[in-house]
Amino acid sequence: MDDMMPWGRGTLTTRATEGEAGSSGGAAPEPGGARDLPFYHLPVLMAEVLEMLQPAPGKLIFDGTLGGGGHTEALLQKGARVVAMDQDDEALRHAGERLKGYADRFCALKGNFRDFPTVLGEAGVTGLDGMLIDIGVSSRHLDAAERGFSFNKDGPLDMRMDTSGPMTAADIVNTYDQGALEQILWKYGEEPQARKIVKAILAERVKAPIKTTLQLAELISKVCPKFSKRHPATLTFQALRIETNQELAALEDFLAAAPKWLKPGGRLAVISFHSLEDRVVKHTFQHQSQVWLDRPEWPAPRPNPDCVYRLLSRKPLEATENELSLNPRARSARLRGVERLPQ
């Protein structure tokens, strides 16, 4: 497999970053260098991820949401090899620069983590000792007004994590009918004021298309006055982001494919940031770690044909108070993990 992988050859595959891969033999980057880069994003639950995945020399770990490269760098520092993916070209360019000192043990490939079987298969990967996805929106996305994720900064109503994607949040807001918009806000945002917000959107877009983040945020604020610390547009923006990027469908596809790629004893860790994602992960892990199934109409319990995991923790791991003091955005992060059972 190593003969087919990009590391150690000085260049990346066509799916990878445009930056130079570098040729040094795995030495750590210069101290402080990563934080000096403009894209820097503070990864959450770092200690917990390392404890769960147990990276070490000889292990191959997949990071399906490379982002700023923080989790991947920590895995590399423990001696593991990492093959990573991200659908964001900007993240790939940044990570290629940040992690070029690990070129003999690291490669970055472009794609959505839901497509990892195809992408890794093309790269020659056949089995993994660990897998990680961090499915929250990154600080970089929130802070970059031009990406359209924030209701606090004016920018185009975009929200695409892959900027080559076919549909923006503005397309959804301006073309979906009333029923579809209401369903998105209820399902993906759990927004109790969905109907009122959608009616306001429909009335506004008749006059002119809704094109910017502040235009939409201010419209929502007018019909849903603020009653708490949370901005009235929070849940709507969450729902639109999930629909734009098909995030829950991507998560379900990834979880369905993961068991076939983990070696016996290999571990899978998933970080989520809101209840919809965490619920999908929780129910999937619970079902796939349940040895026996039982139903009232059955005379006796039956073996679960989908049992492939052992739960690593009954409850999700959360950020410590110390981490929250450094990174308040970690407050909603939840980490769940499983270990692949022997075949």
Protein backbone atom coordinates (compact mmCIF):
# COMPACT_ATOMS: atom_id res chain seq x y z
CA MET A 1 0.00 0.00 0.00
CA ASP A 2 2.85 2.43 0.82
CA ASP A 3 4.15 2.16 -2.76
CA MET A 4 0.84 3.58 -3.97
CA MET A 5 0.48 6.36 -1.40
CA PRO A 6 1.69 9.91 -2.14
CA TRP A 7 3.90 10.27 0.93
CA GLY A 8 7.64 10.09 0.51
CA ARG A 9 7.48 10.91 -3.21
CA GLY A 10 7.54 14.71 -2.95
CA THR A 11 4.12 15.28 -4.56
CA LEU A 12 0.51 14.61 -3.72
CA THR A 13 -2.12 12.93 -5.86
CA THR A 14 -4.44 14.90 -8.10
CA ARG A 15 -7.00 14.89 -5.30
CA ALA A 16 -4.65 16.60 -2.87
CA THR A 17 -3.51 20.12 -2.09
CA GLU A 18 -1.88 22.39 -4.60
CA GLY A 19 0.91 23.16 -2.14
CA GLU A 20 4.31 21.46 -2.24
CA ALA A 21 4.34 18.34 -0.10
CA GLY A 22 7.88 18.82 1.19
CA SER A 23 10.56 16.19 1.57
CA SER A 24 11.77 16.19 5.15
CA GLY A 25 11.54 12.96 7.08
CA GLY A 26 8.71 13.58 9.52
CA ALA A 27 10.29 16.14 11.80
CA ALA A 28 7.86 18.43 13.54
CA PRO A 29 7.26 21.86 12.00
CA GLU A 30 8.97 24.86 13.54
CA PRO A 31 7.52 25.72 16.98
CA GLY A 32 4.68 28.17 16.70
CA GLY A 33 4.60 27.93 12.93
CA ALA A 34 1.12 26.46 12.76
CA ARG A 35 -0.38 29.17 14.91
CA ASP A 36 1.25 31.85 12.77
CA LEU A 37 -0.66 30.68 9.72
CA PRO A 38 -3.84 32.72 9.04
CA PHE A 39 -6.10 29.68 8.77
CA TYR A 40 -5.31 28.40 12.28
CA HIS A 41 -8.25 26.62 13.93
CA LEU A 42 -8.12 25.32 17.50
CA PRO A 43 -9.14 21.64 17.47
CA VAL A 44 -11.51 20.45 20.19
CA LEU A 45 -11.22 17.52 22.60
CA MET A 46 -7.61 16.90 21.56
CA ALA A 47 -6.56 14.86 24.60
CA GLU A 48 -9.73 12.79 24.44
CA VAL A 49 -9.27 12.05 20.72
CA LEU A 50 -5.68 10.91 21.27
CA GLU A 51 -6.70 8.69 24.18
CA MET A 52 -9.50 7.17 22.13
CA LEU A 53 -7.57 6.56 18.88
CA GLN A 54 -4.25 5.60 20.52
CA PRO A 55 -2.02 6.73 17.63
CA ALA A 56 1.44 5.15 17.48
CA PRO A 57 4.19 4.32 14.98
CA GLY A 58 3.01 1.77 12.45
CA LYS A 59 -0.67 2.74 12.69
CA LEU A 60 -2.56 4.25 9.76
CA ILE A 61 -5.30 6.69 10.73
CA PHE A 62 -7.88 8.42 8.53
CA ASP A 63 -8.91 12.00 9.34
CA GLY A 64 -12.00 12.67 7.26
CA THR A 65 -12.31 16.34 8.22
CA LEU A 66 -8.79 17.73 7.98
CA GLY A 67 -9.81 21.37 8.45
CA GLY A 68 -7.01 23.39 10.03
CA GLY A 69 -4.93 20.23 10.51
CA GLY A 70 -4.83 20.31 14.32
CA HIS A 71 -6.05 16.79 15.02
CA THR A 72 -3.95 15.38 12.18
CA GLU A 73 -0.82 17.11 13.45
CA ALA A 74 -1.32 15.64 16.93
CA LEU A 75 -1.75 12.15 15.45
CA LEU A 76 1.42 12.59 13.42
CA GLN A 77 3.34 13.78 16.47
CA LYS A 78 2.53 10.43 18.09
CA GLY A 79 4.21 8.65 15.18
CA ALA A 80 1.15 7.50 13.24
CA ARG A 81 0.71 7.79 9.49
CA VAL A 82 -2.32 9.85 8.48
CA VAL A 83 -4.32 9.96 5.28
CA ALA A 84 -6.74 12.88 5.45
CA MET A 85 -9.58 14.32 3.44
CA ASP A 86 -11.37 17.63 3.20
CA GLN A 87 -13.79 19.08 0.68
CA ASP A 88 -12.55 22.64 1.27
CA ASP A 89 -9.72 23.71 -1.08
CA GLU A 90 -8.64 26.43 1.33
CA ALA A 91 -8.25 23.91 4.16
CA LEU A 92 -6.24 21.58 1.93
CA ARG A 93 -3.87 24.35 0.90
CA HIS A 94 -3.35 25.38 4.51
CA ALA A 95 -2.79 21.85 5.76
CA GLY A 96 -0.35 21.11 2.96
CA GLU A 97 1.78 24.00 4.21
CA ARG A 98 1.28 23.38 7.93
CA LEU A 99 2.11 19.67 7.73
CA LYS A 100 4.74 19.58 4.99
CA GLY A 101 7.31 18.49 7.58
CA TYR A 102 5.48 15.15 7.79
CA ALA A 103 5.43 14.43 4.05
CA ASP A 104 6.71 10.88 4.51
CA ARG A 105 3.72 9.98 6.75
CA PHE A 106 0.94 12.32 5.65
CA CYS A 107 -1.13 12.94 2.56
CA ALA A 108 -4.24 15.06 1.98
CA LEU A 109 -6.91 14.13 -0.55
CA LYS A 110 -9.85 16.24 -1.69
CA GLY A 111 -13.36 14.98 -1.12
CA ASN A 112 -16.32 14.72 1.22
CA PHE A 113 -15.79 12.11 3.94
CA ARG A 114 -18.94 10.32 2.75
CA ASP A 115 -16.95 9.36 -0.37
CA PHE A 116 -13.91 8.03 1.49
CA PRO A 117 -14.25 4.42 0.21
CA THR A 118 -13.77 5.60 -3.37
CA VAL A 119 -11.07 8.16 -2.59
CA LEU A 120 -9.03 5.87 -0.33
CA GLY A 121 -9.51 2.94 -2.65
CA GLU A 122 -8.03 4.95 -5.52
CA ALA A 123 -5.08 5.84 -3.26
CA GLY A 124 -4.37 2.18 -2.50
CA VAL A 125 -5.57 2.08 1.11
CA THR A 126 -7.03 -1.28 2.15
CA GLY A 127 -7.48 -1.05 5.93
CA LEU A 128 -7.29 1.46 8.79
CA ASP A 129 -6.22 1.37 12.43
CA GLY A 130 -8.25 4.46 13.27
CA MET A 131 -10.80 6.86 11.84
CA LEU A 132 -11.81 10.37 12.92
CA ILE A 133 -14.36 12.90 11.73
CA ASP A 134 -15.06 16.27 13.35
CA ILE A 135 -18.38 17.33 11.86
CA GLY A 136 -18.79 20.80 13.27
CA VAL A 137 -18.43 23.95 11.19
CA SER A 138 -14.90 25.27 11.67
CA SER A 139 -13.95 28.55 13.30
CA ARG A 140 -12.46 29.57 9.98
CA HIS A 141 -15.80 29.16 8.25
CA LEU A 142 -17.59 31.20 10.90
CA ASP A 143 -14.98 33.95 10.93
CA ALA A 144 -14.65 34.34 7.16
CA ALA A 145 -17.52 36.61 6.09
CA GLU A 146 -17.05 35.71 2.43
CA ARG A 147 -17.97 32.06 3.12
CA GLY A 148 -21.47 33.06 4.25
CA PHE A 149 -21.77 30.93 7.41
CA SER A 150 -22.15 33.71 9.98
CA PHE A 151 -25.22 35.78 10.75
CA ASN A 152 -22.95 38.33 12.48
CA LYS A 153 -20.86 39.21 9.43
CA ASP A 154 -22.13 40.45 6.08
CA GLY A 155 -21.28 38.25 3.14
CA PRO A 156 -22.85 36.27 0.32
CA LEU A 157 -25.42 33.73 1.49
CA ASP A 158 -23.26 30.80 0.43
CA MET A 159 -22.49 28.25 3.21
CA ARG A 160 -20.85 25.72 0.87
CA MET A 161 -17.98 23.85 2.49
CA ASP A 162 -16.93 22.80 -0.99
CA THR A 163 -17.08 26.04 -2.96
CA SER A 164 -17.44 24.10 -6.21
CA GLY A 165 -20.70 22.59 -4.96
CA PRO A 166 -23.80 23.13 -7.08
CA MET A 167 -26.13 24.70 -4.49
CA THR A 168 -25.75 27.66 -2.13
CA ALA A 169 -27.88 28.66 0.83
CA ALA A 170 -29.18 31.55 -1.29
CA ASP A 171 -30.46 29.04 -3.86
CA ILE A 172 -32.41 27.27 -1.12
CA VAL A 173 -33.83 30.45 0.38
CA ASN A 174 -34.89 31.87 -2.99
CA THR A 175 -36.16 28.77 -4.82
CA TYR A 176 -37.55 26.23 -2.34
CA ASP A 177 -41.30 26.36 -1.84
CA GLN A 178 -42.96 27.03 1.50
CA GLY A 179 -43.40 23.40 2.48
CA ALA A 180 -39.79 22.48 1.71
CA LEU A 181 -38.40 25.47 3.59
CA GLU A 182 -40.53 24.79 6.64
CA GLN A 183 -39.49 21.14 6.66
CA ILE A 184 -35.79 22.08 6.53
CA LEU A 185 -36.10 24.53 9.43
CA TRP A 186 -38.07 22.05 11.54
CA LYS A 187 -35.96 18.99 10.71
CA TYR A 188 -32.45 20.43 10.65
CA GLY A 189 -32.83 23.45 12.90
CA GLU A 190 -35.61 22.32 15.24
CA GLU A 191 -36.79 25.91 14.84
CA PRO A 192 -40.14 26.46 16.66
CA GLN A 193 -40.78 29.63 14.63
CA ALA A 194 -40.22 27.93 11.28
CA ARG A 195 -43.58 28.87 9.78
CA LYS A 196 -43.31 32.51 10.75
CA ILE A 197 -39.74 32.76 9.40
CA VAL A 198 -40.60 31.06 6.12
CA LYS A 199 -43.59 33.34 5.53
CA ALA A 200 -41.29 36.34 6.02
CA ILE A 201 -38.77 34.88 3.57
CA LEU A 202 -41.44 34.27 0.93
CA ALA A 203 -42.78 37.81 1.26
CA GLU A 204 -39.30 39.32 1.04
CA ARG A 205 -38.01 37.31 -1.92
CA VAL A 206 -41.00 38.40 -4.03
CA LYS A 207 -39.59 41.93 -3.86
CA ALA A 208 -35.98 40.93 -4.55
CA PRO A 209 -33.74 37.88 -4.02
CA ILE A 210 -32.22 37.41 -0.57
CA LYS A 211 -28.51 37.41 -1.31
CA THR A 212 -26.56 38.20 1.85
CA THR A 213 -26.19 36.82 5.37
CA LEU A 214 -27.14 40.03 7.15
CA GLN A 215 -30.13 40.52 4.87
CA LEU A 216 -31.51 37.17 6.03
CA ALA A 217 -30.44 37.58 9.66
CA GLU A 218 -32.09 40.99 9.95
CA LEU A 219 -35.27 39.68 8.33
CA ILE A 220 -35.46 36.87 10.90
CA SER A 221 -34.73 39.28 13.77
CA LYS A 222 -37.69 41.45 12.74
CA VAL A 223 -40.21 38.60 12.92
CA CYS A 224 -38.58 36.76 15.85
CA PRO A 225 -37.40 39.26 18.49
CA LYS A 226 -34.50 38.14 20.66
CA PHE A 227 -35.59 36.59 23.98
CA SER A 228 -32.30 34.95 25.01
CA LYS A 229 -28.56 35.17 24.40
CA ARG A 230 -28.98 33.12 21.23
CA HIS A 231 -29.40 35.11 18.02
CA PRO A 232 -32.86 34.59 16.47
CA ALA A 233 -31.25 33.42 13.21
CA THR A 234 -29.08 30.71 14.82
CA LEU A 235 -31.30 27.71 14.10
CA THR A 236 -32.25 28.86 10.61
CA PHE A 237 -28.60 29.28 9.63
CA GLN A 238 -27.83 25.85 11.08
CA ALA A 239 -30.65 24.28 9.06
CA LEU A 240 -29.60 25.98 5.84
CA ARG A 241 -25.97 24.91 6.31
CA ILE A 242 -26.98 21.29 6.84
CA GLU A 243 -29.21 21.30 3.76
CA THR A 244 -26.62 23.09 1.60
CA ASN A 245 -23.93 20.54 2.44
CA GLN A 246 -26.20 17.50 2.92
CA GLU A 247 -24.44 16.95 6.24
CA LEU A 248 -26.69 14.36 7.86
CA ALA A 249 -26.84 12.24 4.70
CA ALA A 250 -23.04 12.41 4.48
CA LEU A 251 -22.73 11.32 8.11
CA GLU A 252 -25.07 8.36 7.59
CA ASP A 253 -23.15 7.25 4.48
CA PHE A 254 -19.84 7.47 6.34
CA LEU A 255 -21.06 5.50 9.36
CA ALA A 256 -22.49 2.78 7.11
CA ALA A 257 -19.18 2.29 5.28
CA ALA A 258 -16.74 2.64 8.21
CA PRO A 259 -16.89 -0.93 9.64
CA LYS A 260 -15.60 -2.45 6.40
CA TRP A 261 -12.49 -0.28 6.55
CA LEU A 262 -11.48 -0.68 10.19
CA LYS A 263 -9.08 -3.49 11.05
CA PRO A 264 -9.97 -5.65 14.09
CA GLY A 265 -9.15 -3.53 17.13
CA GLY A 266 -9.27 -0.37 15.04
CA ARG A 267 -11.10 2.59 16.51
CA LEU A 268 -13.58 5.12 15.17
CA ALA A 269 -14.08 8.53 16.83
CA VAL A 270 -16.76 11.06 15.88
CA ILE A 271 -17.02 14.64 17.19
CA SER A 272 -20.41 16.30 16.75
CA PHE A 273 -21.68 19.72 17.74
CA HIS A 274 -25.46 19.53 17.86
CA SER A 275 -28.11 17.07 18.88
CA LEU A 276 -29.14 16.00 15.37
CA GLU A 277 -25.66 14.75 14.50
CA ASP A 278 -25.03 13.27 17.93
CA ARG A 279 -28.33 11.41 17.82
CA VAL A 280 -27.38 9.73 14.52
CA VAL A 281 -23.97 8.71 15.88
CA LYS A 282 -25.40 7.52 19.21
CA HIS A 283 -28.10 5.33 17.69
CA THR A 284 -25.74 3.87 15.07
CA PHE A 285 -23.07 2.99 17.62
CA GLN A 286 -25.60 1.57 20.05
CA HIS A 287 -27.14 -0.68 17.41
CA GLN A 288 -23.82 -1.83 15.99
CA SER A 289 -22.47 -2.70 19.46
CA GLN A 290 -25.55 -4.61 20.64
CA VAL A 291 -24.79 -8.34 20.68
CA TRP A 292 -28.41 -9.51 20.99
CA LEU A 293 -31.67 -8.16 19.64
CA ASP A 294 -35.00 -8.77 21.32
CA ARG A 295 -38.56 -7.96 20.40
CA PRO A 296 -41.80 -8.68 22.27
CA GLU A 297 -43.07 -10.94 19.49
CA TRP A 298 -39.92 -13.10 19.48
CA PRO A 299 -39.77 -16.21 21.72
CA ALA A 300 -36.11 -15.50 22.53
CA PRO A 301 -33.40 -12.91 21.76
CA ARG A 302 -31.54 -13.27 18.48
CA PRO A 303 -27.94 -12.46 17.53
CA ASN A 304 -27.52 -9.01 16.01
CA PRO A 305 -26.04 -9.45 12.50
CA ASP A 306 -24.91 -5.79 12.56
CA CYS A 307 -22.87 -6.09 15.76
CA VAL A 308 -19.35 -5.06 14.71
CA TYR A 309 -18.25 -2.70 17.52
CA ARG A 310 -17.50 -2.38 21.20
CA LEU A 311 -18.52 0.94 22.75
CA LEU A 312 -15.57 2.88 24.17
CA SER A 313 -17.81 4.98 26.42
CA ARG A 314 -21.47 4.84 27.32
CA LYS A 315 -21.83 8.60 27.34
CA PRO A 316 -20.21 11.16 25.02
CA LEU A 317 -17.01 12.82 26.20
CA GLU A 318 -17.21 16.60 26.58
CA ALA A 319 -14.73 19.44 26.94
CA THR A 320 -13.21 20.09 30.35
CA GLU A 321 -13.53 23.44 32.06
CA ASN A 322 -9.88 24.09 31.28
CA GLU A 323 -10.47 23.59 27.56
CA LEU A 324 -13.59 25.75 27.64
CA SER A 325 -11.61 28.59 29.19
CA LEU A 326 -9.30 28.47 26.15
CA ASN A 327 -11.90 27.66 23.52
CA PRO A 328 -15.55 28.49 24.35
CA ARG A 329 -16.67 27.04 20.99
CA ALA A 330 -15.88 23.58 22.37
CA ARG A 331 -18.85 23.81 24.74
CA SER A 332 -21.24 21.90 22.49
CA ALA A 333 -18.70 19.31 21.26
CA ARG A 334 -19.49 15.64 21.92
CA LEU A 335 -17.07 12.77 21.26
CA ARG A 336 -18.22 9.18 20.82
CA GLY A 337 -16.08 6.20 19.91
CA VAL A 338 -16.14 2.49 19.17
CA GLU A 339 -13.65 -0.31 18.64
CA ARG A 340 -13.92 -2.80 15.77
CA LEU A 341 -14.54 -6.35 16.95
CA PRO A 342 -12.57 -9.31 15.51
CA GLN A 343 -13.96 -10.62 12.24
